[in-house]
Amino acid sequence: MKIAFVGKGGSGKTTLSSLFIRHLAADGAPVVAVDADINQHLGAALGLDDDEAAALPAMGAQLPLIKDYLRGTNPRIASAETMIKTTPPGEGSRLLRVGEENPVYDACARPVRLDSAVIRLMATGPFTESDLGVACYHSKVGAVELCLNHLVDGRDEYVVVDMTAGSDSFASGMFTRFDMTFLVAEPTRKGVSVYRQYKEYARDFGVALKVVGNKVQGEDDLDFLREQVGDDLLVAVGHSDWVRAMEKGRPKPYDLLEPANRAALQILLDTVADTYERRDWERYTRQMVHFHLRNAESWGNAKTGADLAAQVDPAFVLGEASAEISAPLPA
């Protein structure tokens, strides 16, 4: 299952996504966590020190390797250089699974121990001084989008993405890649403004969206969120001494997290699990192709010198069955 955490800067989305990752890990679920925010804080929220967080490999720097691996033997893709962030898989492409070993994880993922469990952590890489004036952050997250386009995940395995703040996610089709999007909102006018943007943009694409209220201090805050977001409010989270200790670099075992907050995280997990039976791989693939064709026409064809519409395999539908016929590694 693929889950995104979004929200305005400072809303607490990284904290909530890290807590949800810990909740999954405590249940023994296989997890790939991805830091796709311009401010790379997920590693620290998962307990890495500054040096460990800084040493995480940048997915963007491994884009040639990622493209070459995912291309596989797909005859519609002339070369890895003609792949762009929206390139969809087809017959002969290599697909990713959450729990497997593969060259992409070898290059881009690092194990992180959370109490007695271990998860994989990947990061887009920070926006560096050399990028200023010559690059946009959406080029950084292209590696994430390409991996999600080639990812096949099952019921009890999870990919959790801490997305870039605000509505920047709509600069590409990546916002359609998730089974559930949790929007973290504070009980303020600014806190719910991103929700309105997300709701409007996502409506036409069937994006499953729920609001997690954060920094809620009482009934007045809850009433405000209910007035602003209605039935999309799933659960609210209040003050946490456990989180405060974590933010000071003194994380405690997850089982010491306050029972009310653990119960809130279980509600998130139950909500995600309920979406599994409603998965529509055909719609998922159609949306992937839709955004690829848009990107090909607007900039991709000119950049690569190729007709990227020809990369679309009209008979291919991504799904759990397609993972069984993914191109093997060369001998």
Protein backbone atom coordinates (compact mmCIF):
# COMPACT_ATOMS: atom_id res chain seq x y z
CA MET A 1 0.00 0.00 0.00
CA LYS A 2 1.29 3.45 -0.90
CA ILE A 3 0.65 6.33 1.51
CA ALA A 4 1.52 10.02 1.18
CA PHE A 5 1.72 12.59 3.96
CA VAL A 6 1.20 16.18 2.80
CA GLY A 7 0.55 19.54 4.43
CA LYS A 8 1.90 23.04 4.72
CA GLY A 9 5.39 23.61 6.07
CA GLY A 10 5.45 23.29 9.84
CA SER A 11 2.17 21.37 10.04
CA GLY A 12 3.90 18.30 11.46
CA LYS A 13 3.58 16.04 8.42
CA THR A 14 7.12 14.69 8.82
CA THR A 15 6.48 13.93 12.49
CA LEU A 16 3.19 12.20 11.66
CA SER A 17 4.68 10.23 8.79
CA SER A 18 7.56 9.06 11.02
CA LEU A 19 5.11 7.98 13.72
CA PHE A 20 3.05 6.08 11.17
CA ILE A 21 6.21 4.36 9.89
CA ARG A 22 7.06 3.35 13.46
CA HIS A 23 3.52 2.04 13.93
CA LEU A 24 3.84 -0.12 10.81
CA ALA A 25 7.27 -1.37 11.86
CA ALA A 26 5.97 -2.27 15.32
CA ASP A 27 3.36 -4.43 13.57
CA GLY A 28 6.13 -6.23 11.71
CA ALA A 29 5.13 -4.89 8.29
CA PRO A 30 7.77 -4.42 5.57
CA VAL A 31 8.18 -0.67 4.97
CA VAL A 32 9.97 1.52 2.45
CA ALA A 33 10.02 5.13 3.69
CA VAL A 34 10.78 7.94 1.24
CA ASP A 35 11.75 11.50 2.13
CA ALA A 36 10.52 13.51 -0.87
CA ASP A 37 10.41 16.89 0.88
CA ILE A 38 12.72 19.76 -0.08
CA ASN A 39 13.64 19.95 3.61
CA GLN A 40 15.07 16.54 4.40
CA HIS A 41 13.95 15.79 7.97
CA LEU A 42 12.44 12.31 7.83
CA GLY A 43 15.72 10.59 8.68
CA ALA A 44 16.12 12.68 11.83
CA ALA A 45 12.49 12.01 12.76
CA LEU A 46 13.26 8.29 12.50
CA GLY A 47 16.18 8.64 14.91
CA LEU A 48 19.19 9.18 12.64
CA ASP A 49 21.81 11.60 13.90
CA ASP A 50 22.98 14.48 11.69
CA ASP A 51 25.88 12.56 10.17
CA GLU A 52 23.75 9.50 9.42
CA ALA A 53 21.03 11.62 7.84
CA ALA A 54 23.56 13.52 5.73
CA ALA A 55 25.06 10.23 4.52
CA LEU A 56 21.81 9.01 2.97
CA PRO A 57 22.33 8.57 -0.79
CA ALA A 58 20.38 10.96 -3.00
CA MET A 59 17.97 9.19 -5.34
CA GLY A 60 18.40 11.96 -7.90
CA ALA A 61 22.11 11.21 -8.14
CA GLN A 62 21.27 7.58 -8.97
CA LEU A 63 18.76 8.38 -11.72
CA PRO A 64 20.83 6.84 -14.56
CA LEU A 65 21.08 3.56 -12.61
CA ILE A 66 17.36 3.64 -11.77
CA LYS A 67 16.40 4.21 -15.40
CA ASP A 68 18.71 1.51 -16.71
CA TYR A 69 17.39 -1.04 -14.24
CA LEU A 70 13.70 -0.26 -14.71
CA ARG A 71 13.97 -0.19 -18.50
CA GLY A 72 14.81 -3.88 -18.51
CA THR A 73 14.15 -5.34 -21.97
CA ASN A 74 11.19 -3.09 -22.78
CA PRO A 75 11.39 -2.77 -26.60
CA ARG A 76 9.43 0.50 -26.59
CA ILE A 77 12.20 2.35 -24.74
CA ALA A 78 15.15 2.89 -27.09
CA SER A 79 17.56 3.81 -24.29
CA ALA A 80 17.60 4.77 -20.64
CA GLU A 81 18.40 8.33 -21.72
CA THR A 82 14.93 8.65 -23.28
CA MET A 83 13.18 7.81 -20.01
CA ILE A 84 11.65 10.69 -18.08
CA LYS A 85 10.07 10.81 -14.63
CA THR A 86 6.64 9.78 -15.98
CA THR A 87 7.77 6.91 -18.24
CA PRO A 88 5.33 4.04 -17.62
CA PRO A 89 6.30 0.37 -17.49
CA GLY A 90 5.43 -2.06 -20.26
CA GLU A 91 6.23 -5.58 -21.34
CA GLY A 92 9.87 -6.25 -20.50
CA SER A 93 10.18 -3.51 -17.85
CA ARG A 94 11.58 -4.42 -14.46
CA LEU A 95 9.21 -3.77 -11.56
CA LEU A 96 9.99 -3.10 -7.92
CA ARG A 97 8.59 -4.97 -4.92
CA VAL A 98 8.72 -3.66 -1.37
CA GLY A 99 10.51 -6.56 0.28
CA GLU A 100 12.87 -7.67 -2.48
CA GLU A 101 16.56 -7.04 -3.00
CA ASN A 102 17.44 -5.15 -6.18
CA PRO A 103 20.07 -2.70 -7.50
CA VAL A 104 17.80 0.31 -6.92
CA TYR A 105 17.52 -0.40 -3.21
CA ASP A 106 21.22 -1.26 -3.05
CA ALA A 107 22.08 2.18 -4.43
CA CYS A 108 19.37 4.34 -2.88
CA ALA A 109 18.02 2.74 0.31
CA ARG A 110 19.57 2.37 3.73
CA PRO A 111 18.33 0.22 6.63
CA VAL A 112 17.05 2.05 9.70
CA ARG A 113 16.41 0.16 12.95
CA LEU A 114 13.26 1.12 14.82
CA ASP A 115 13.28 -0.76 18.12
CA SER A 116 13.28 -4.43 17.07
CA ALA A 117 12.31 -3.79 13.42
CA VAL A 118 14.25 -2.57 10.38
CA ILE A 119 12.79 -0.45 7.57
CA ARG A 120 14.27 0.86 4.34
CA LEU A 121 14.75 4.63 4.03
CA MET A 122 15.23 6.46 0.74
CA ALA A 123 15.65 10.20 0.15
CA THR A 124 15.46 12.42 -2.91
CA GLY A 125 18.44 14.41 -1.68
CA PRO A 126 18.56 18.02 -0.50
CA PHE A 127 18.28 21.09 -2.71
CA THR A 128 21.90 22.18 -2.86
CA GLU A 129 23.57 25.53 -3.47
CA SER A 130 24.63 24.34 -6.93
CA ASP A 131 20.96 23.88 -7.84
CA LEU A 132 20.05 27.50 -7.17
CA GLY A 133 18.99 29.29 -10.33
CA VAL A 134 19.48 26.26 -12.58
CA ALA A 135 17.12 23.57 -11.27
CA CYS A 136 13.72 23.17 -9.68
CA TYR A 137 12.95 20.75 -6.88
CA HIS A 138 10.56 18.77 -9.05
CA SER A 139 13.59 17.44 -10.95
CA LYS A 140 14.76 15.98 -7.63
CA VAL A 141 11.59 14.00 -7.02
CA GLY A 142 11.54 12.61 -10.56
CA ALA A 143 13.40 9.53 -9.33
CA VAL A 144 10.68 8.93 -6.74
CA GLU A 145 7.92 9.23 -9.33
CA LEU A 146 9.68 6.85 -11.72
CA CYS A 147 10.08 4.27 -8.96
CA LEU A 148 6.43 4.58 -7.93
CA ASN A 149 5.39 4.09 -11.56
CA HIS A 150 7.25 0.75 -11.54
CA LEU A 151 6.27 -0.37 -8.04
CA VAL A 152 3.95 -3.29 -7.32
CA ASP A 153 2.94 -3.52 -3.68
CA GLY A 154 0.63 -5.85 -1.83
CA ARG A 155 -1.86 -5.64 1.02
CA ASP A 156 0.49 -5.94 3.98
CA GLU A 157 3.53 -4.07 2.65
CA TYR A 158 3.89 -0.32 2.68
CA VAL A 159 5.58 2.60 0.97
CA VAL A 160 5.26 5.82 2.99
CA VAL A 161 6.25 9.10 1.31
CA ASP A 162 6.81 12.36 3.16
CA MET A 163 5.89 14.75 0.35
CA THR A 164 7.07 18.27 -0.37
CA ALA A 165 5.10 20.94 1.50
CA GLY A 166 2.06 22.78 0.19
CA SER A 167 0.53 22.08 -3.21
CA ASP A 168 3.85 21.62 -5.03
CA SER A 169 3.02 17.93 -5.44
CA PHE A 170 0.66 18.86 -8.26
CA ALA A 171 3.54 19.94 -10.50
CA SER A 172 3.57 16.29 -11.66
CA GLY A 173 1.27 13.30 -11.59
CA MET A 174 2.86 11.89 -8.46
CA PHE A 175 -0.15 12.89 -6.35
CA THR A 176 -2.15 10.12 -8.09
CA ARG A 177 0.33 7.38 -7.14
CA PHE A 178 -1.06 6.67 -3.67
CA ASP A 179 -3.77 4.48 -2.16
CA MET A 180 -4.28 7.09 0.56
CA THR A 181 -3.15 10.66 1.07
CA PHE A 182 -3.14 12.00 4.63
CA LEU A 183 -3.18 15.77 4.79
CA VAL A 184 -1.85 17.04 8.11
CA ALA A 185 -3.57 20.26 9.15
CA GLU A 186 -3.27 22.51 12.16
CA PRO A 187 -6.51 24.09 13.47
CA THR A 188 -5.78 27.47 11.85
CA ARG A 189 -6.87 29.23 8.67
CA LYS A 190 -3.43 28.71 7.15
CA GLY A 191 -3.46 25.14 8.33
CA VAL A 192 -6.55 24.24 6.29
CA SER A 193 -5.71 26.33 3.22
CA VAL A 194 -3.58 23.55 1.72
CA TYR A 195 -6.48 21.15 2.28
CA ARG A 196 -8.73 23.29 0.07
CA GLN A 197 -6.12 23.36 -2.69
CA TYR A 198 -5.53 19.63 -2.47
CA LYS A 199 -9.22 18.82 -2.42
CA GLU A 200 -9.86 20.90 -5.53
CA TYR A 201 -6.94 19.51 -7.52
CA ALA A 202 -7.48 15.91 -6.48
CA ARG A 203 -11.22 15.78 -7.12
CA ASP A 204 -10.99 14.90 -10.81
CA PHE A 205 -8.52 12.09 -10.25
CA GLY A 206 -10.25 10.08 -7.53
CA VAL A 207 -7.48 10.72 -5.01
CA ALA A 208 -8.40 9.26 -1.60
CA LEU A 209 -7.83 12.11 0.88
CA LYS A 210 -8.24 12.27 4.63
CA VAL A 211 -7.27 15.01 7.08
CA VAL A 212 -5.26 14.39 10.23
CA GLY A 213 -5.63 17.25 12.68
CA ASN A 214 -2.38 18.06 14.45
CA LYS A 215 -1.50 20.23 17.45
CA VAL A 216 -5.14 20.03 18.57
CA GLN A 217 -5.55 21.34 22.10
CA GLY A 218 -9.26 21.01 22.81
CA GLU A 219 -12.84 20.87 21.58
CA ASP A 220 -12.65 24.36 20.07
CA ASP A 221 -9.80 23.24 17.80
CA LEU A 222 -11.73 20.11 16.85
CA ASP A 223 -14.86 22.11 16.10
CA PHE A 224 -12.85 24.43 13.86
CA LEU A 225 -11.42 21.54 11.86
CA ARG A 226 -14.84 19.91 11.53
CA GLU A 227 -16.28 23.18 10.22
CA GLN A 228 -13.47 23.59 7.69
CA VAL A 229 -12.97 20.05 6.35
CA GLY A 230 -16.18 18.23 7.26
CA ASP A 231 -16.21 14.46 6.90
CA ASP A 232 -12.65 14.44 5.56
CA LEU A 233 -11.41 14.87 9.14
CA LEU A 234 -10.32 11.38 10.12
CA VAL A 235 -8.61 11.84 13.46
CA ALA A 236 -6.83 14.46 15.56
CA VAL A 237 -3.55 14.31 17.44
CA GLY A 238 -2.67 16.46 20.43
CA HIS A 239 0.41 17.16 22.51
CA SER A 240 2.88 14.32 22.95
CA ASP A 241 5.71 14.14 25.47
CA TRP A 242 7.04 11.19 23.45
CA VAL A 243 7.30 13.35 20.33
CA ARG A 244 8.90 16.16 22.31
CA ALA A 245 11.60 13.76 23.53
CA MET A 246 12.13 12.52 19.97
CA GLU A 247 12.56 16.09 18.71
CA LYS A 248 15.25 16.59 21.34
CA GLY A 249 17.11 13.59 19.97
CA ARG A 250 16.10 11.35 22.84
CA PRO A 251 13.68 8.88 21.26
CA LYS A 252 11.97 6.41 23.55
CA PRO A 253 10.74 2.93 22.58
CA TYR A 254 7.63 3.15 20.44
CA ASP A 255 5.52 1.18 22.91
CA LEU A 256 5.84 4.15 25.31
CA LEU A 257 3.99 6.45 22.91
CA GLU A 258 0.79 7.72 24.54
CA PRO A 259 -2.11 5.26 24.08
CA ALA A 260 -4.37 7.93 22.55
CA ASN A 261 -1.80 8.71 19.88
CA ARG A 262 -1.16 5.04 19.18
CA ALA A 263 -4.91 4.59 18.77
CA ALA A 264 -4.97 7.51 16.30
CA LEU A 265 -2.21 5.85 14.25
CA GLN A 266 -4.16 2.59 14.22
CA ILE A 267 -7.13 4.49 12.77
CA LEU A 268 -4.84 5.67 9.97
CA LEU A 269 -3.69 2.10 9.34
CA ASP A 270 -7.25 0.73 9.35
CA THR A 271 -8.26 3.43 6.87
CA VAL A 272 -5.41 2.48 4.54
CA ALA A 273 -6.25 -1.22 4.81
CA ASP A 274 -9.87 -0.52 3.85
CA THR A 275 -8.73 0.89 0.49
CA TYR A 276 -7.11 -2.36 -0.65
CA GLU A 277 -10.26 -3.99 -1.96
CA ARG A 278 -11.07 -0.83 -3.95
CA ARG A 279 -7.76 -0.77 -5.77
CA ASP A 280 -8.16 -0.14 -9.49
CA TRP A 281 -4.92 -0.97 -11.27
CA GLU A 282 -6.42 -0.13 -14.66
CA ARG A 283 -7.29 3.42 -13.56
CA TYR A 284 -3.89 3.71 -11.90
CA THR A 285 -2.21 2.77 -15.19
CA ARG A 286 -4.44 5.11 -17.23
CA GLN A 287 -3.52 8.04 -14.99
CA MET A 288 0.15 7.17 -15.31
CA VAL A 289 -0.14 7.21 -19.10
CA HIS A 290 -2.19 10.44 -19.02
CA PHE A 291 0.52 12.36 -17.18
CA HIS A 292 3.26 10.80 -19.28
CA LEU A 293 1.65 11.99 -22.49
CA ARG A 294 1.17 15.47 -21.04
CA ASN A 295 4.81 15.67 -19.97
CA ALA A 296 6.00 14.25 -23.28
CA GLU A 297 4.15 16.92 -25.25
CA SER A 298 5.02 19.84 -22.99
CA TRP A 299 8.76 19.20 -22.57
CA GLY A 300 9.83 15.55 -22.73
CA ASN A 301 9.92 15.11 -26.52
CA ALA A 302 11.99 18.26 -26.95
CA LYS A 303 14.39 17.31 -24.18
CA THR A 304 15.03 13.73 -25.31
CA GLY A 305 14.62 14.14 -29.08
CA ALA A 306 12.28 11.15 -29.09
CA ASP A 307 8.55 10.57 -29.47
CA LEU A 308 7.82 9.56 -25.89
CA ALA A 309 4.21 8.66 -26.66
CA ALA A 310 5.67 5.56 -28.33
CA GLN A 311 6.82 4.37 -24.90
CA VAL A 312 3.22 3.60 -23.92
CA ASP A 313 2.35 -0.09 -24.09
CA PRO A 314 -1.44 -0.07 -24.68
CA ALA A 315 -1.85 -3.68 -23.57
CA PHE A 316 0.04 -3.35 -20.29
CA VAL A 317 -1.72 -2.90 -16.95
CA LEU A 318 0.42 -2.56 -13.84
CA GLY A 319 -0.66 -4.89 -11.07
CA GLU A 320 0.36 -7.68 -8.76
CA ALA A 321 0.14 -10.24 -11.56
CA SER A 322 2.44 -8.18 -13.79
CA ALA A 323 5.21 -8.40 -11.19
CA GLU A 324 5.53 -12.10 -11.88
CA ILE A 325 6.61 -11.48 -15.49
CA SER A 326 8.94 -8.57 -14.83
CA ALA A 327 12.22 -8.73 -16.76
CA PRO A 328 14.86 -10.71 -14.83
CA LEU A 329 18.32 -9.50 -14.00
CA PRO A 330 20.95 -10.40 -16.61
CA ALA A 331 22.92 -13.55 -15.85
